[in-house]
Amino acid sequence: MNQGGLFDIWPALVVATRIPLWQKRGLYLFYLPTYSPQLNIAETMWRHLKGGWLRPEDYSDDETLAYSVNRCMANVGQYLKISFSPFYTN
């Protein structure tokens, strides 16, 4: 283990040094704001779970909630759908 090395302290420096190489190959990084739940698929999924897919009785106890969340997640894409807005890179 390399203790005290430059890359142990600043792992982002490793990424920063490779950005020019990646851009030559057509790979571009897009930085997200620190808090951007609309861009996080997990946040969107939980918003739909809590806002419409789960019923009030699903919260009766831990076991029922776990089962209900499991059933909802198993049905995403088949019976439960989310419409995501297209991503524009203007």
Protein backbone atom coordinates (compact mmCIF):
# COMPACT_ATOMS: atom_id res chain seq x y z
CA MET A 1 0.00 0.00 0.00
CA ASN A 2 1.36 3.39 -0.98
CA GLN A 3 0.81 5.53 2.11
CA GLY A 4 1.12 9.26 1.81
CA GLY A 5 1.41 9.27 -1.97
CA LEU A 6 0.04 12.19 -3.96
CA PHE A 7 -2.71 10.10 -5.52
CA ASP A 8 -3.79 8.78 -2.12
CA ILE A 9 -4.44 12.35 -1.00
CA TRP A 10 -6.02 13.73 -4.21
CA PRO A 11 -7.63 10.93 -6.24
CA ALA A 12 -9.36 13.57 -8.38
CA LEU A 13 -5.92 14.57 -9.65
CA VAL A 14 -5.65 11.17 -11.37
CA VAL A 15 -8.89 11.89 -13.23
CA ALA A 16 -7.86 15.47 -14.02
CA THR A 17 -4.59 14.36 -15.60
CA ARG A 18 -6.41 11.93 -17.90
CA ILE A 19 -9.13 14.29 -19.15
CA PRO A 20 -7.15 15.53 -22.20
CA LEU A 21 -6.46 11.93 -23.30
CA TRP A 22 -10.10 10.97 -22.86
CA GLN A 23 -11.29 14.02 -24.81
CA LYS A 24 -9.02 13.09 -27.72
CA ARG A 25 -10.83 9.74 -27.72
CA GLY A 26 -14.26 11.40 -27.67
CA LEU A 27 -15.05 10.90 -23.99
CA TYR A 28 -16.29 13.99 -22.16
CA LEU A 29 -17.08 14.31 -18.47
CA PHE A 30 -20.10 16.29 -17.34
CA TYR A 31 -19.99 17.55 -13.80
CA LEU A 32 -23.22 17.50 -11.83
CA PRO A 33 -24.20 20.04 -9.20
CA THR A 34 -23.62 18.85 -5.64
CA TYR A 35 -27.33 18.26 -5.14
CA SER A 36 -29.25 17.26 -8.27
CA PRO A 37 -31.97 14.72 -7.40
CA GLN A 38 -33.64 15.20 -10.80
CA LEU A 39 -30.52 13.69 -12.40
CA ASN A 40 -30.30 10.76 -9.97
CA ILE A 41 -32.31 7.72 -11.05
CA ALA A 42 -32.50 6.37 -7.49
CA GLU A 43 -34.03 9.65 -6.24
CA THR A 44 -36.58 9.54 -9.06
CA MET A 45 -37.46 5.94 -8.23
CA TRP A 46 -38.00 6.72 -4.53
CA ARG A 47 -40.11 9.76 -5.41
CA HIS A 48 -42.43 7.54 -7.49
CA LEU A 49 -42.50 4.84 -4.80
CA LYS A 50 -43.44 7.26 -2.03
CA GLY A 51 -45.68 9.45 -4.17
CA GLY A 52 -47.91 6.94 -5.86
CA TRP A 53 -46.91 3.32 -6.03
CA LEU A 54 -46.96 2.54 -2.32
CA ARG A 55 -50.29 2.63 -0.51
CA PRO A 56 -50.71 3.94 3.06
CA GLU A 57 -51.30 0.39 4.35
CA ASP A 58 -47.89 -0.64 2.93
CA TYR A 59 -46.29 1.37 5.76
CA SER A 60 -47.99 -0.64 8.53
CA ASP A 61 -44.78 -2.45 9.58
CA ASP A 62 -41.23 -3.06 8.38
CA GLU A 63 -41.97 -6.43 6.82
CA THR A 64 -44.96 -5.17 4.84
CA LEU A 65 -43.02 -2.14 3.63
CA ALA A 66 -40.06 -4.26 2.54
CA TYR A 67 -42.36 -6.64 0.68
CA SER A 68 -44.24 -3.79 -1.02
CA VAL A 69 -41.05 -2.03 -2.11
CA ASN A 70 -39.73 -5.35 -3.44
CA ARG A 71 -42.92 -5.94 -5.44
CA CYS A 72 -42.86 -2.42 -6.87
CA MET A 73 -39.21 -2.72 -7.90
CA ALA A 74 -39.89 -6.10 -9.52
CA ASN A 75 -42.65 -4.52 -11.63
CA VAL A 76 -40.75 -1.45 -12.81
CA GLY A 77 -40.66 -1.46 -16.58
CA GLN A 78 -43.37 -4.06 -16.90
CA TYR A 79 -46.39 -2.62 -15.09
CA LEU A 80 -44.92 0.45 -13.41
CA LYS A 81 -43.32 2.99 -15.72
CA ILE A 82 -41.39 6.24 -15.36
CA SER A 83 -41.11 8.76 -18.17
CA PHE A 84 -37.74 10.46 -18.06
CA SER A 85 -37.16 13.74 -19.86
CA PRO A 86 -34.56 13.63 -22.63
CA PHE A 87 -31.13 14.91 -21.73
CA TYR A 88 -30.03 17.87 -23.81
CA THR A 89 -26.36 18.83 -24.05
CA ASN A 90 -26.78 22.31 -25.56
